[in-house]
Amino acid sequence: MSRPEDARLQAALADAIEEYAARVREHGEIPPFPAGRDVAATDVAITAAAILKAAEVYSFEIAAMFNI
């Protein structure tokens, strides 16, 4: 069940994704996390999987993007 704070988190995540992508397009690759900030691989995987599913990005598209 969705809670009001979920909507705020979703909006913040969407804003961060759009801003990060815009900066990468403009300036080239930048690290996604600041120096010294450890983010657990499980947390990254959960978040990335949810984002890819919501954006309807599939494994063959990922392979094409990264030439794998």
C-alpha atoms as a PDB file:
ATOM      1  CA  MET A   1       0.000   0.000   0.000  1.00  0.00           C
ATOM      2  CA  SER A   2       1.309   3.430  -0.929  1.00  0.00           C
ATOM      3  CA  ARG A   3       1.846   6.047   1.780  1.00  0.00           C
ATOM      4  CA  PRO A   4       2.072   9.852   1.402  1.00  0.00           C
ATOM      5  CA  GLU A   5       5.809   9.779   2.088  1.00  0.00           C
ATOM      6  CA  ASP A   6       6.178   7.266  -0.766  1.00  0.00           C
ATOM      7  CA  ALA A   7       4.996   9.907  -3.244  1.00  0.00           C
ATOM      8  CA  ARG A   8       7.611  12.359  -1.954  1.00  0.00           C
ATOM      9  CA  LEU A   9      10.346   9.737  -2.260  1.00  0.00           C
ATOM     10  CA  GLN A  10       9.202   8.806  -5.771  1.00  0.00           C
ATOM     11  CA  ALA A  11       9.221  12.463  -6.847  1.00  0.00           C
ATOM     12  CA  ALA A  12      12.693  13.008  -5.372  1.00  0.00           C
ATOM     13  CA  LEU A  13      14.025   9.883  -7.122  1.00  0.00           C
ATOM     14  CA  ALA A  14      12.513  10.926 -10.463  1.00  0.00           C
ATOM     15  CA  ASP A  15      13.999  14.423 -10.092  1.00  0.00           C
ATOM     16  CA  ALA A  16      17.418  12.997  -9.200  1.00  0.00           C
ATOM     17  CA  ILE A  17      17.393  10.602 -12.160  1.00  0.00           C
ATOM     18  CA  GLU A  18      16.465  13.349 -14.611  1.00  0.00           C
ATOM     19  CA  GLU A  19      19.107  15.734 -13.237  1.00  0.00           C
ATOM     20  CA  TYR A  20      21.826  13.071 -13.164  1.00  0.00           C
ATOM     21  CA  ALA A  21      21.090  12.016 -16.748  1.00  0.00           C
ATOM     22  CA  ALA A  22      21.093  15.626 -17.944  1.00  0.00           C
ATOM     23  CA  ARG A  23      24.494  16.278 -16.366  1.00  0.00           C
ATOM     24  CA  VAL A  24      25.978  13.078 -17.800  1.00  0.00           C
ATOM     25  CA  ARG A  25      24.692  13.988 -21.265  1.00  0.00           C
ATOM     26  CA  GLU A  26      26.149  17.487 -20.919  1.00  0.00           C
ATOM     27  CA  HIS A  27      29.466  16.770 -19.182  1.00  0.00           C
ATOM     28  CA  GLY A  28      30.175  13.065 -19.701  1.00  0.00           C
ATOM     29  CA  GLU A  29      30.293  10.245 -17.194  1.00  0.00           C
ATOM     30  CA  ILE A  30      30.232  11.164 -13.507  1.00  0.00           C
ATOM     31  CA  PRO A  31      30.158   8.803 -10.523  1.00  0.00           C
ATOM     32  CA  PRO A  32      26.595   8.214  -9.296  1.00  0.00           C
ATOM     33  CA  PHE A  33      27.616   8.405  -5.630  1.00  0.00           C
ATOM     34  CA  PRO A  34      29.882  10.862  -3.803  1.00  0.00           C
ATOM     35  CA  ALA A  35      33.367   9.829  -2.694  1.00  0.00           C
ATOM     36  CA  GLY A  36      33.270   7.936   0.570  1.00  0.00           C
ATOM     37  CA  ARG A  37      29.582   7.056   0.295  1.00  0.00           C
ATOM     38  CA  ASP A  38      29.109   3.298   0.216  1.00  0.00           C
ATOM     39  CA  VAL A  39      25.815   2.098  -1.224  1.00  0.00           C
ATOM     40  CA  ALA A  40      25.026  -1.582  -0.799  1.00  0.00           C
ATOM     41  CA  ALA A  41      24.940  -3.661  -3.971  1.00  0.00           C
ATOM     42  CA  THR A  42      21.584  -5.105  -2.908  1.00  0.00           C
ATOM     43  CA  ASP A  43      20.116  -1.608  -2.570  1.00  0.00           C
ATOM     44  CA  VAL A  44      21.438  -0.664  -6.011  1.00  0.00           C
ATOM     45  CA  ALA A  45      20.056  -3.865  -7.561  1.00  0.00           C
ATOM     46  CA  ILE A  46      16.601  -3.411  -6.001  1.00  0.00           C
ATOM     47  CA  THR A  47      16.403   0.207  -7.123  1.00  0.00           C
ATOM     48  CA  ALA A  48      17.794  -0.410 -10.610  1.00  0.00           C
ATOM     49  CA  ALA A  49      15.437  -3.341 -11.196  1.00  0.00           C
ATOM     50  CA  ALA A  50      12.416  -1.267 -10.161  1.00  0.00           C
ATOM     51  CA  ILE A  51      13.483   1.651 -12.367  1.00  0.00           C
ATOM     52  CA  LEU A  52      14.095  -0.577 -15.387  1.00  0.00           C
ATOM     53  CA  LYS A  53      10.755  -2.331 -14.911  1.00  0.00           C
ATOM     54  CA  ALA A  54       8.878   0.977 -14.562  1.00  0.00           C
ATOM     55  CA  ALA A  55      10.581   2.359 -17.681  1.00  0.00           C
ATOM     56  CA  GLU A  56       9.883  -0.885 -19.567  1.00  0.00           C
ATOM     57  CA  VAL A  57      13.570  -1.422 -20.354  1.00  0.00           C
ATOM     58  CA  TYR A  58      14.339  -5.041 -21.126  1.00  0.00           C
ATOM     59  CA  SER A  59      17.538  -7.095 -21.028  1.00  0.00           C
ATOM     60  CA  PHE A  60      18.082  -7.041 -24.790  1.00  0.00           C
ATOM     61  CA  GLU A  61      17.880  -3.228 -24.743  1.00  0.00           C
ATOM     62  CA  ILE A  62      20.441  -3.086 -21.935  1.00  0.00           C
ATOM     63  CA  ALA A  63      22.723  -5.368 -23.915  1.00  0.00           C
ATOM     64  CA  ALA A  64      22.409  -3.076 -26.949  1.00  0.00           C
ATOM     65  CA  MET A  65      23.164   0.028 -24.878  1.00  0.00           C
ATOM     66  CA  PHE A  66      26.337  -1.473 -23.459  1.00  0.00           C
ATOM     67  CA  ASN A  67      27.337  -3.522 -26.508  1.00  0.00           C
ATOM     68  CA  ILE A  68      27.273  -6.803 -24.589  1.00  0.00           C
END
